[in-house]
Amino acid sequence: MSRKFALAGAVALALTLTLTPLAAGTASAAVEQEAAVTTVYYSTASAPTFRSVINAGAANWNRSVTNVRLVERNSGASLRYTEGNDPRGSYAQTNGHGSGTIFIDYTQARQYNPTRIAAHETGHALGLPDHYSGPCSELMSGGGPGPSCTNAVPNSAERSRVNQLWANGLAAATSAEQRVYGF
């Protein structure tokens, strides 16, 4: 009988020693991963016509990258979307650090896929430049591939670059100047 209890005690001790480091490691990894994610709050209040496509573009980025999260919040947002008519078309005025204004043009949104426009301009707010000569599979090629291109998802190189830029919380940097990028 005492041999049975000794064996049960040994099994319980072995389970405790085995599970405790795993549980601690898991909790620690979750905290580190959460700490590495920077949240960028954006507002669609001044672009109600395009709210659903802006949210779809943000969701595409959120599914694609791990170091930055885009969250809609109308008050206190550092990134604002607006809409209207502008002969220049859609554009982003941003420092690439998660702040600025993204303008979506009505006429251009009828010619090109509006979710692609929103996701492309959001890419500028995340630090990516235009590459108009790129293929449709490259989100930052913007309107270069023509109106038949409907891809609104960043490719692997774009995902990798944003994760690299935001690895240490790019939003914390303040020295970058505001730049204007078009679709």
N, C-alpha and C. Protein backbone atom coordinates (compact mmCIF):
# COMPACT_ATOMS: atom_id res chain seq x y z
N MET A 1 0.82 -1.18 0.00
CA MET A 1 0.00 0.00 0.00
C MET A 1 0.87 1.26 0.00
N SER A 2 1.90 1.35 0.80
CA SER A 2 2.74 2.53 0.84
C SER A 2 3.49 2.68 -0.48
N ARG A 3 3.75 1.56 -1.15
CA ARG A 3 4.40 1.60 -2.45
C ARG A 3 3.49 2.27 -3.49
N LYS A 4 2.18 2.02 -3.39
CA LYS A 4 1.20 2.61 -4.27
C LYS A 4 1.16 4.13 -4.09
N PHE A 5 1.16 4.58 -2.83
CA PHE A 5 1.15 6.02 -2.56
C PHE A 5 2.45 6.67 -3.01
N ALA A 6 3.56 5.99 -2.81
CA ALA A 6 4.85 6.53 -3.22
C ALA A 6 4.88 6.71 -4.74
N LEU A 7 4.33 5.73 -5.46
CA LEU A 7 4.28 5.80 -6.92
C LEU A 7 3.35 6.94 -7.36
N ALA A 8 2.21 7.06 -6.72
CA ALA A 8 1.26 8.14 -7.04
C ALA A 8 1.90 9.50 -6.74
N GLY A 9 2.63 9.61 -5.64
CA GLY A 9 3.30 10.86 -5.30
C GLY A 9 4.37 11.20 -6.32
N ALA A 10 5.11 10.21 -6.76
CA ALA A 10 6.16 10.43 -7.75
C ALA A 10 5.57 10.89 -9.08
N VAL A 11 4.43 10.29 -9.48
CA VAL A 11 3.76 10.68 -10.71
C VAL A 11 3.26 12.12 -10.60
N ALA A 12 2.66 12.45 -9.45
CA ALA A 12 2.15 13.81 -9.24
C ALA A 12 3.30 14.82 -9.28
N LEU A 13 4.44 14.50 -8.65
CA LEU A 13 5.59 15.38 -8.66
C LEU A 13 6.13 15.55 -10.08
N ALA A 14 6.20 14.45 -10.83
CA ALA A 14 6.69 14.52 -12.21
C ALA A 14 5.76 15.38 -13.06
N LEU A 15 4.45 15.24 -12.90
CA LEU A 15 3.49 16.06 -13.64
C LEU A 15 3.64 17.52 -13.28
N THR A 16 3.83 17.81 -12.01
CA THR A 16 3.99 19.19 -11.57
C THR A 16 5.24 19.80 -12.18
N LEU A 17 6.35 19.08 -12.14
CA LEU A 17 7.59 19.58 -12.68
C LEU A 17 7.52 19.75 -14.19
N THR A 18 6.77 18.87 -14.87
CA THR A 18 6.65 18.95 -16.31
C THR A 18 5.73 20.08 -16.73
N LEU A 19 4.60 20.25 -16.08
CA LEU A 19 3.61 21.24 -16.48
C LEU A 19 3.96 22.66 -16.06
N THR A 20 4.58 22.83 -14.93
CA THR A 20 4.85 24.18 -14.44
C THR A 20 5.73 24.98 -15.40
N PRO A 21 6.87 24.45 -15.88
CA PRO A 21 7.67 25.24 -16.81
C PRO A 21 6.92 25.56 -18.11
N LEU A 22 6.12 24.63 -18.61
CA LEU A 22 5.38 24.88 -19.83
C LEU A 22 4.36 25.99 -19.62
N ALA A 23 3.65 25.93 -18.53
CA ALA A 23 2.64 26.95 -18.26
C ALA A 23 3.29 28.32 -18.09
N ALA A 24 4.40 28.37 -17.38
CA ALA A 24 5.09 29.64 -17.18
C ALA A 24 5.62 30.16 -18.51
N GLY A 25 6.18 29.28 -19.31
CA GLY A 25 6.72 29.68 -20.61
C GLY A 25 5.63 30.19 -21.53
N THR A 26 4.47 29.55 -21.50
CA THR A 26 3.36 29.96 -22.34
C THR A 26 2.87 31.34 -21.94
N ALA A 27 2.70 31.57 -20.66
CA ALA A 27 2.23 32.87 -20.18
C ALA A 27 3.24 33.95 -20.54
N SER A 28 4.51 33.67 -20.38
CA SER A 28 5.55 34.64 -20.68
C SER A 28 5.57 34.97 -22.16
N ALA A 29 5.45 33.93 -23.01
CA ALA A 29 5.44 34.16 -24.45
C ALA A 29 4.24 35.01 -24.85
N ALA A 30 3.07 34.80 -24.25
CA ALA A 30 1.88 35.56 -24.59
C ALA A 30 2.07 37.02 -24.21
N VAL A 31 2.69 37.27 -23.07
CA VAL A 31 2.92 38.64 -22.63
C VAL A 31 3.92 39.32 -23.57
N GLU A 32 4.98 38.64 -23.95
CA GLU A 32 5.97 39.22 -24.86
C GLU A 32 5.36 39.52 -26.21
N GLN A 33 4.55 38.59 -26.71
CA GLN A 33 3.93 38.79 -28.01
C GLN A 33 2.98 39.98 -27.95
N GLU A 34 2.19 40.08 -26.91
CA GLU A 34 1.27 41.21 -26.77
C GLU A 34 2.04 42.52 -26.63
N ALA A 35 3.15 42.48 -25.94
CA ALA A 35 3.94 43.70 -25.73
C ALA A 35 4.53 44.20 -27.04
N ALA A 36 4.78 43.30 -28.01
CA ALA A 36 5.40 43.68 -29.27
C ALA A 36 4.39 44.28 -30.25
N VAL A 37 3.10 44.17 -29.98
CA VAL A 37 2.08 44.67 -30.88
C VAL A 37 1.76 46.13 -30.57
N THR A 38 1.84 46.98 -31.59
CA THR A 38 1.46 48.38 -31.45
C THR A 38 0.06 48.55 -32.03
N THR A 39 -0.80 49.22 -31.32
CA THR A 39 -2.16 49.47 -31.79
C THR A 39 -2.24 50.86 -32.40
N VAL A 40 -2.77 50.92 -33.62
CA VAL A 40 -3.02 52.18 -34.29
C VAL A 40 -4.54 52.35 -34.34
N TYR A 41 -5.03 53.41 -33.75
CA TYR A 41 -6.46 53.69 -33.76
C TYR A 41 -6.79 54.57 -34.97
N TYR A 42 -7.84 54.18 -35.68
CA TYR A 42 -8.25 54.96 -36.85
C TYR A 42 -9.72 55.32 -36.74
N SER A 43 -10.07 56.43 -37.40
CA SER A 43 -11.44 56.92 -37.39
C SER A 43 -12.00 56.95 -38.80
N THR A 44 -13.23 56.46 -38.94
CA THR A 44 -13.95 56.52 -40.21
C THR A 44 -15.07 57.56 -40.15
N ALA A 45 -15.13 58.35 -39.09
CA ALA A 45 -16.23 59.30 -38.88
C ALA A 45 -16.38 60.28 -40.05
N SER A 46 -15.28 60.65 -40.69
CA SER A 46 -15.35 61.60 -41.81
C SER A 46 -15.35 60.90 -43.16
N ALA A 47 -15.55 59.60 -43.16
CA ALA A 47 -15.65 58.83 -44.41
C ALA A 47 -16.74 57.76 -44.28
N PRO A 48 -17.96 58.16 -43.92
CA PRO A 48 -19.01 57.17 -43.67
C PRO A 48 -19.37 56.32 -44.89
N THR A 49 -19.25 56.87 -46.09
CA THR A 49 -19.55 56.12 -47.31
C THR A 49 -18.63 54.91 -47.45
N PHE A 50 -17.41 55.06 -46.97
CA PHE A 50 -16.39 54.02 -47.17
C PHE A 50 -16.06 53.24 -45.90
N ARG A 51 -16.85 53.37 -44.86
CA ARG A 51 -16.55 52.72 -43.59
C ARG A 51 -16.34 51.21 -43.76
N SER A 52 -17.21 50.54 -44.48
CA SER A 52 -17.09 49.08 -44.62
C SER A 52 -15.83 48.69 -45.39
N VAL A 53 -15.45 49.45 -46.43
CA VAL A 53 -14.24 49.09 -47.18
C VAL A 53 -12.98 49.46 -46.40
N ILE A 54 -13.04 50.52 -45.62
CA ILE A 54 -11.90 50.86 -44.76
C ILE A 54 -11.69 49.75 -43.73
N ASN A 55 -12.78 49.31 -43.11
CA ASN A 55 -12.68 48.22 -42.13
C ASN A 55 -12.21 46.92 -42.78
N ALA A 56 -12.64 46.67 -44.02
CA ALA A 56 -12.17 45.47 -44.73
C ALA A 56 -10.68 45.57 -45.03
N GLY A 57 -10.22 46.74 -45.45
CA GLY A 57 -8.79 46.94 -45.70
C GLY A 57 -7.97 46.78 -44.44
N ALA A 58 -8.47 47.35 -43.32
CA ALA A 58 -7.78 47.21 -42.03
C ALA A 58 -7.75 45.74 -41.60
N ALA A 59 -8.85 45.03 -41.82
CA ALA A 59 -8.90 43.60 -41.47
C ALA A 59 -7.88 42.82 -42.29
N ASN A 60 -7.70 43.18 -43.56
CA ASN A 60 -6.69 42.50 -44.38
C ASN A 60 -5.30 42.70 -43.80
N TRP A 61 -5.01 43.91 -43.35
CA TRP A 61 -3.71 44.16 -42.71
C TRP A 61 -3.61 43.40 -41.40
N ASN A 62 -4.67 43.41 -40.60
CA ASN A 62 -4.63 42.72 -39.30
C ASN A 62 -4.42 41.22 -39.46
N ARG A 63 -4.96 40.63 -40.51
CA ARG A 63 -4.75 39.20 -40.77
C ARG A 63 -3.35 38.92 -41.31
N SER A 64 -2.70 39.96 -41.83
CA SER A 64 -1.43 39.77 -42.53
C SER A 64 -0.18 40.07 -41.71
N VAL A 65 -0.30 40.94 -40.72
CA VAL A 65 0.88 41.35 -39.95
C VAL A 65 0.68 41.08 -38.47
N THR A 66 1.78 41.00 -37.74
CA THR A 66 1.71 40.65 -36.32
C THR A 66 2.18 41.74 -35.37
N ASN A 67 2.92 42.73 -35.86
CA ASN A 67 3.51 43.73 -34.96
C ASN A 67 2.69 45.00 -34.81
N VAL A 68 1.62 45.14 -35.59
CA VAL A 68 0.77 46.32 -35.51
C VAL A 68 -0.68 45.89 -35.71
N ARG A 69 -1.57 46.50 -34.98
CA ARG A 69 -3.02 46.23 -35.07
C ARG A 69 -3.73 47.53 -35.37
N LEU A 70 -4.66 47.48 -36.30
CA LEU A 70 -5.49 48.62 -36.65
C LEU A 70 -6.84 48.43 -35.98
N VAL A 71 -7.25 49.41 -35.19
CA VAL A 71 -8.50 49.33 -34.43
C VAL A 71 -9.31 50.60 -34.68
N GLU A 72 -10.57 50.42 -35.08
CA GLU A 72 -11.43 51.58 -35.31
C GLU A 72 -11.86 52.17 -33.97
N ARG A 73 -11.66 53.47 -33.86
CA ARG A 73 -12.10 54.22 -32.68
C ARG A 73 -12.18 55.68 -33.08
N ASN A 74 -13.37 56.23 -33.06
CA ASN A 74 -13.55 57.59 -33.58
C ASN A 74 -12.96 58.69 -32.71
N SER A 75 -12.87 58.49 -31.42
CA SER A 75 -12.26 59.53 -30.59
C SER A 75 -10.83 59.12 -30.25
N GLY A 76 -9.93 60.09 -30.34
CA GLY A 76 -8.55 59.82 -30.00
C GLY A 76 -7.77 59.02 -31.04
N ALA A 77 -8.28 58.95 -32.26
CA ALA A 77 -7.60 58.19 -33.32
C ALA A 77 -6.45 59.01 -33.90
N SER A 78 -5.35 58.35 -34.20
CA SER A 78 -4.20 59.04 -34.80
C SER A 78 -4.26 59.01 -36.32
N LEU A 79 -5.09 58.13 -36.87
CA LEU A 79 -5.24 57.99 -38.32
C LEU A 79 -6.69 58.25 -38.66
N ARG A 80 -6.91 59.22 -39.56
CA ARG A 80 -8.28 59.60 -39.91
C ARG A 80 -8.52 59.41 -41.40
N TYR A 81 -9.67 58.86 -41.74
CA TYR A 81 -10.08 58.71 -43.13
C TYR A 81 -11.12 59.77 -43.44
N THR A 82 -10.99 60.36 -44.64
CA THR A 82 -11.95 61.35 -45.11
C THR A 82 -12.36 60.97 -46.53
N GLU A 83 -13.41 61.59 -47.02
CA GLU A 83 -13.89 61.28 -48.36
C GLU A 83 -14.33 62.55 -49.06
N GLY A 84 -14.42 62.49 -50.38
CA GLY A 84 -14.89 63.63 -51.16
C GLY A 84 -14.41 63.55 -52.59
N ASN A 85 -14.41 64.69 -53.24
CA ASN A 85 -13.94 64.80 -54.62
C ASN A 85 -12.64 65.59 -54.64
N ASP A 86 -11.64 65.04 -55.29
CA ASP A 86 -10.37 65.72 -55.41
C ASP A 86 -9.77 65.33 -56.76
N PRO A 87 -9.38 66.28 -57.58
CA PRO A 87 -8.81 65.93 -58.89
C PRO A 87 -7.53 65.09 -58.79
N ARG A 88 -6.89 65.12 -57.64
CA ARG A 88 -5.68 64.29 -57.45
C ARG A 88 -6.02 62.84 -57.17
N GLY A 89 -7.28 62.54 -56.86
CA GLY A 89 -7.68 61.18 -56.52
C GLY A 89 -7.47 60.90 -55.04
N SER A 90 -7.39 59.64 -54.70
CA SER A 90 -7.20 59.21 -53.31
C SER A 90 -5.74 59.38 -52.93
N TYR A 91 -5.49 59.66 -51.64
CA TYR A 91 -4.12 59.84 -51.20
C TYR A 91 -4.03 59.69 -49.68
N ALA A 92 -2.80 59.53 -49.23
CA ALA A 92 -2.51 59.47 -47.79
C ALA A 92 -1.53 60.58 -47.47
N GLN A 93 -1.83 61.34 -46.45
CA GLN A 93 -0.89 62.33 -45.92
C GLN A 93 -0.48 61.78 -44.56
N THR A 94 0.74 61.25 -44.49
CA THR A 94 1.16 60.52 -43.30
C THR A 94 2.67 60.57 -43.15
N ASN A 95 3.12 60.31 -41.94
CA ASN A 95 4.55 60.16 -41.70
C ASN A 95 4.96 58.69 -41.73
N GLY A 96 3.99 57.80 -42.02
CA GLY A 96 4.29 56.38 -42.08
C GLY A 96 4.38 55.73 -40.72
N HIS A 97 4.03 56.46 -39.68
CA HIS A 97 4.12 55.95 -38.31
C HIS A 97 2.75 55.77 -37.67
N GLY A 98 1.74 55.52 -38.50
CA GLY A 98 0.41 55.25 -37.96
C GLY A 98 -0.44 56.48 -37.71
N SER A 99 -0.01 57.63 -38.21
CA SER A 99 -0.82 58.83 -38.01
C SER A 99 -0.96 59.56 -39.33
N GLY A 100 -1.96 60.43 -39.40
CA GLY A 100 -2.17 61.22 -40.60
C GLY A 100 -3.60 61.14 -41.07
N THR A 101 -3.80 61.52 -42.33
CA THR A 101 -5.12 61.52 -42.94
C THR A 101 -5.09 60.77 -44.25
N ILE A 102 -6.07 59.93 -44.46
CA ILE A 102 -6.24 59.21 -45.71
C ILE A 102 -7.52 59.71 -46.36
N PHE A 103 -7.40 60.17 -47.60
CA PHE A 103 -8.52 60.70 -48.34
C PHE A 103 -8.91 59.69 -49.43
N ILE A 104 -10.20 59.34 -49.50
CA ILE A 104 -10.71 58.44 -50.54
C ILE A 104 -11.61 59.25 -51.46
N ASP A 105 -11.25 59.28 -52.73
CA ASP A 105 -11.95 60.06 -53.74
C ASP A 105 -13.13 59.27 -54.31
N TYR A 106 -14.30 59.93 -54.39
CA TYR A 106 -15.51 59.28 -54.90
C TYR A 106 -15.34 58.75 -56.32
N THR A 107 -14.80 59.57 -57.21
CA THR A 107 -14.65 59.17 -58.62
C THR A 107 -13.70 57.99 -58.75
N GLN A 108 -12.58 58.07 -58.07
CA GLN A 108 -11.60 56.99 -58.16
C GLN A 108 -12.15 55.70 -57.59
N ALA A 109 -12.95 55.80 -56.53
CA ALA A 109 -13.53 54.61 -55.91
C ALA A 109 -14.59 53.94 -56.80
N ARG A 110 -15.10 54.67 -57.80
CA ARG A 110 -16.02 54.06 -58.76
C ARG A 110 -15.23 53.37 -59.88
N GLN A 111 -14.01 53.81 -60.12
CA GLN A 111 -13.18 53.25 -61.19
C GLN A 111 -12.35 52.06 -60.70
N TYR A 112 -11.85 52.16 -59.48
CA TYR A 112 -10.97 51.13 -58.91
C TYR A 112 -11.67 50.47 -57.73
N ASN A 113 -11.18 49.32 -57.33
CA ASN A 113 -11.74 48.61 -56.18
C ASN A 113 -11.52 49.43 -54.92
N PRO A 114 -12.59 49.88 -54.26
CA PRO A 114 -12.43 50.76 -53.10
C PRO A 114 -11.73 50.11 -51.91
N THR A 115 -11.88 48.80 -51.73
CA THR A 115 -11.16 48.13 -50.64
C THR A 115 -9.66 48.14 -50.92
N ARG A 116 -9.29 47.97 -52.19
CA ARG A 116 -7.88 48.05 -52.56
C ARG A 116 -7.34 49.45 -52.28
N ILE A 117 -8.12 50.47 -52.62
CA ILE A 117 -7.69 51.85 -52.36
C ILE A 117 -7.45 52.04 -50.86
N ALA A 118 -8.43 51.64 -50.04
CA ALA A 118 -8.31 51.84 -48.59
C ALA A 118 -7.11 51.06 -48.03
N ALA A 119 -6.95 49.81 -48.43
CA ALA A 119 -5.82 49.00 -47.93
C ALA A 119 -4.48 49.56 -48.41
N HIS A 120 -4.44 50.02 -49.67
CA HIS A 120 -3.21 50.60 -50.22
C HIS A 120 -2.82 51.86 -49.44
N GLU A 121 -3.76 52.76 -49.25
CA GLU A 121 -3.46 54.00 -48.54
C GLU A 121 -3.09 53.72 -47.08
N THR A 122 -3.72 52.72 -46.48
CA THR A 122 -3.37 52.31 -45.12
C THR A 122 -1.93 51.81 -45.07
N GLY A 123 -1.50 51.15 -46.14
CA GLY A 123 -0.10 50.69 -46.24
C GLY A 123 0.88 51.85 -46.09
N HIS A 124 0.51 53.02 -46.63
CA HIS A 124 1.38 54.21 -46.46
C HIS A 124 1.46 54.60 -44.99
N ALA A 125 0.33 54.56 -44.29
CA ALA A 125 0.32 54.91 -42.87
C ALA A 125 1.15 53.92 -42.06
N LEU A 126 1.36 52.72 -42.60
CA LEU A 126 2.17 51.70 -41.93
C LEU A 126 3.63 51.76 -42.37
N GLY A 127 3.96 52.70 -43.26
CA GLY A 127 5.36 52.91 -43.63
C GLY A 127 5.78 52.48 -45.02
N LEU A 128 4.85 52.01 -45.84
CA LEU A 128 5.23 51.53 -47.17
C LEU A 128 5.09 52.62 -48.24
N PRO A 129 6.03 52.66 -49.19
CA PRO A 129 5.95 53.61 -50.30
C PRO A 129 5.16 53.03 -51.48
N ASP A 130 4.86 53.89 -52.45
CA ASP A 130 4.22 53.43 -53.69
C ASP A 130 5.22 52.64 -54.52
N HIS A 131 4.67 51.73 -55.34
CA HIS A 131 5.47 51.00 -56.33
C HIS A 131 4.57 50.74 -57.53
N TYR A 132 4.23 51.81 -58.24
CA TYR A 132 3.23 51.74 -59.32
C TYR A 132 3.57 50.75 -60.42
N SER A 133 4.83 50.43 -60.62
CA SER A 133 5.20 49.51 -61.69
C SER A 133 5.07 48.05 -61.27
N GLY A 134 4.66 47.81 -60.03
CA GLY A 134 4.50 46.44 -59.55
C GLY A 134 3.26 45.77 -60.11
N PRO A 135 3.17 44.45 -59.95
CA PRO A 135 2.01 43.69 -60.43
C PRO A 135 0.80 43.85 -59.52
N CYS A 136 -0.34 43.38 -59.96
CA CYS A 136 -1.58 43.45 -59.17
C CYS A 136 -1.43 42.75 -57.83
N SER A 137 -0.61 41.72 -57.76
CA SER A 137 -0.42 40.98 -56.51
C SER A 137 0.28 41.82 -55.45
N GLU A 138 0.84 42.94 -55.85
CA GLU A 138 1.52 43.85 -54.94
C GLU A 138 0.55 44.99 -54.60
N LEU A 139 0.08 45.03 -53.37
CA LEU A 139 -0.89 46.03 -52.94
C LEU A 139 -0.39 47.45 -53.17
N MET A 140 0.88 47.69 -52.94
CA MET A 140 1.42 49.04 -53.04
C MET A 140 1.68 49.46 -54.48
N SER A 141 1.29 48.62 -55.46
CA SER A 141 1.34 49.04 -56.85
C SER A 141 0.16 49.97 -57.16
N GLY A 142 -0.76 50.09 -56.21
CA GLY A 142 -1.87 51.04 -56.33
C GLY A 142 -2.66 50.89 -57.60
N GLY A 143 -2.84 52.00 -58.32
CA GLY A 143 -3.61 51.99 -59.56
C GLY A 143 -2.78 51.58 -60.76
N GLY A 144 -1.48 51.33 -60.57
CA GLY A 144 -0.60 50.96 -61.68
C GLY A 144 -1.09 49.81 -62.54
N PRO A 145 -1.56 48.72 -61.94
CA PRO A 145 -2.02 47.59 -62.75
C PRO A 145 -3.36 47.82 -63.46
N GLY A 146 -4.02 48.94 -63.18
CA GLY A 146 -5.28 49.25 -63.84
C GLY A 146 -6.50 48.90 -63.00
N PRO A 147 -7.67 49.36 -63.47
CA PRO A 147 -8.91 49.20 -62.70
C PRO A 147 -9.39 47.76 -62.54
N SER A 148 -8.91 46.84 -63.36
CA SER A 148 -9.36 45.44 -63.23
C SER A 148 -8.71 44.75 -62.03
N CYS A 149 -7.66 45.33 -61.45
CA CYS A 149 -6.99 44.75 -60.29
C CYS A 149 -7.83 44.99 -59.04
N THR A 150 -8.21 43.91 -58.38
CA THR A 150 -9.04 44.02 -57.17
C THR A 150 -8.34 43.51 -55.92
N ASN A 151 -7.08 43.12 -56.03
CA ASN A 151 -6.34 42.61 -54.88
C ASN A 151 -6.23 43.67 -53.79
N ALA A 152 -6.70 43.35 -52.60
CA ALA A 152 -6.65 44.29 -51.47
C ALA A 152 -5.87 43.71 -50.30
N VAL A 153 -4.98 42.75 -50.60
CA VAL A 153 -4.22 42.06 -49.56
C VAL A 153 -2.73 42.24 -49.82
N PRO A 154 -1.95 42.63 -48.80
CA PRO A 154 -0.51 42.79 -49.01
C PRO A 154 0.15 41.45 -49.33
N ASN A 155 1.17 41.49 -50.20
CA ASN A 155 1.89 40.26 -50.51
C ASN A 155 2.92 39.97 -49.42
N SER A 156 3.66 38.88 -49.55
CA SER A 156 4.57 38.46 -48.49
C SER A 156 5.67 39.49 -48.23
N ALA A 157 6.18 40.13 -49.26
CA ALA A 157 7.24 41.13 -49.07
C ALA A 157 6.69 42.35 -48.31
N GLU A 158 5.47 42.76 -48.65
CA GLU A 158 4.85 43.90 -47.96
C GLU A 158 4.55 43.56 -46.51
N ARG A 159 4.06 42.36 -46.27
CA ARG A 159 3.80 41.92 -44.88
C ARG A 159 5.09 41.90 -44.08
N SER A 160 6.12 41.35 -44.67
CA SER A 160 7.41 41.25 -44.00
C SER A 160 7.97 42.63 -43.67
N ARG A 161 7.87 43.55 -44.62
CA ARG A 161 8.40 44.90 -44.40
C ARG A 161 7.66 45.62 -43.29
N VAL A 162 6.33 45.51 -43.25
CA VAL A 162 5.56 46.16 -42.18
C VAL A 162 5.91 45.53 -40.84
N ASN A 163 6.01 44.21 -40.77
CA ASN A 163 6.40 43.57 -39.50
C ASN A 163 7.78 44.04 -39.07
N GLN A 164 8.69 44.18 -40.02
CA GLN A 164 10.04 44.66 -39.71
C GLN A 164 10.00 46.11 -39.21
N LEU A 165 9.25 46.97 -39.90
CA LEU A 165 9.16 48.37 -39.49
C LEU A 165 8.55 48.55 -38.11
N TRP A 166 7.58 47.71 -37.78
CA TRP A 166 6.86 47.85 -36.51
C TRP A 166 7.38 46.91 -35.43
N ALA A 167 8.50 46.26 -35.64
CA ALA A 167 9.03 45.29 -34.67
C ALA A 167 9.26 45.92 -33.30
N ASN A 168 9.65 47.19 -33.27
CA ASN A 168 9.92 47.86 -32.00
C ASN A 168 8.97 49.02 -31.76
N GLY A 169 7.80 48.96 -32.35
CA GLY A 169 6.81 50.01 -32.13
C GLY A 169 7.12 51.27 -32.91
N LEU A 170 7.08 51.21 -34.22
CA LEU A 170 7.40 52.34 -35.08
C LEU A 170 6.62 53.59 -34.71
N ALA A 171 5.41 53.45 -34.20
CA ALA A 171 4.59 54.62 -33.87
C ALA A 171 5.27 55.53 -32.85
N ALA A 172 6.18 54.99 -32.08
CA ALA A 172 6.86 55.79 -31.06
C ALA A 172 7.84 56.79 -31.66
N ALA A 173 8.32 56.52 -32.86
CA ALA A 173 9.26 57.45 -33.50
C ALA A 173 8.52 58.70 -33.93
N THR A 174 9.13 59.86 -33.77
CA THR A 174 8.43 61.11 -34.09
C THR A 174 9.18 61.99 -35.07
N SER A 175 10.31 61.57 -35.56
CA SER A 175 11.12 62.47 -36.38
C SER A 175 10.72 62.50 -37.86
N ALA A 176 9.89 61.61 -38.30
CA ALA A 176 9.55 61.57 -39.72
C ALA A 176 8.63 62.73 -40.11
N GLU A 177 8.83 63.23 -41.31
CA GLU A 177 7.99 64.32 -41.80
C GLU A 177 6.72 63.76 -42.45
N GLN A 178 5.70 64.58 -42.55
CA GLN A 178 4.47 64.19 -43.23
C GLN A 178 4.73 64.17 -44.73
N ARG A 179 4.29 63.12 -45.41
CA ARG A 179 4.44 63.00 -46.86
C ARG A 179 3.08 62.68 -47.44
N VAL A 180 2.89 63.02 -48.70
CA VAL A 180 1.64 62.72 -49.38
C VAL A 180 1.91 61.66 -50.44
N TYR A 181 1.12 60.61 -50.40
CA TYR A 181 1.21 59.51 -51.36
C TYR A 181 -0.13 59.39 -52.07
N GLY A 182 -0.15 59.17 -53.36
CA GLY A 182 -1.40 58.99 -54.10
C GLY A 182 -1.64 57.55 -54.47
N PHE A 183 -2.85 57.24 -54.90
CA PHE A 183 -3.21 55.91 -55.35
C PHE A 183 -2.81 55.79 -56.80
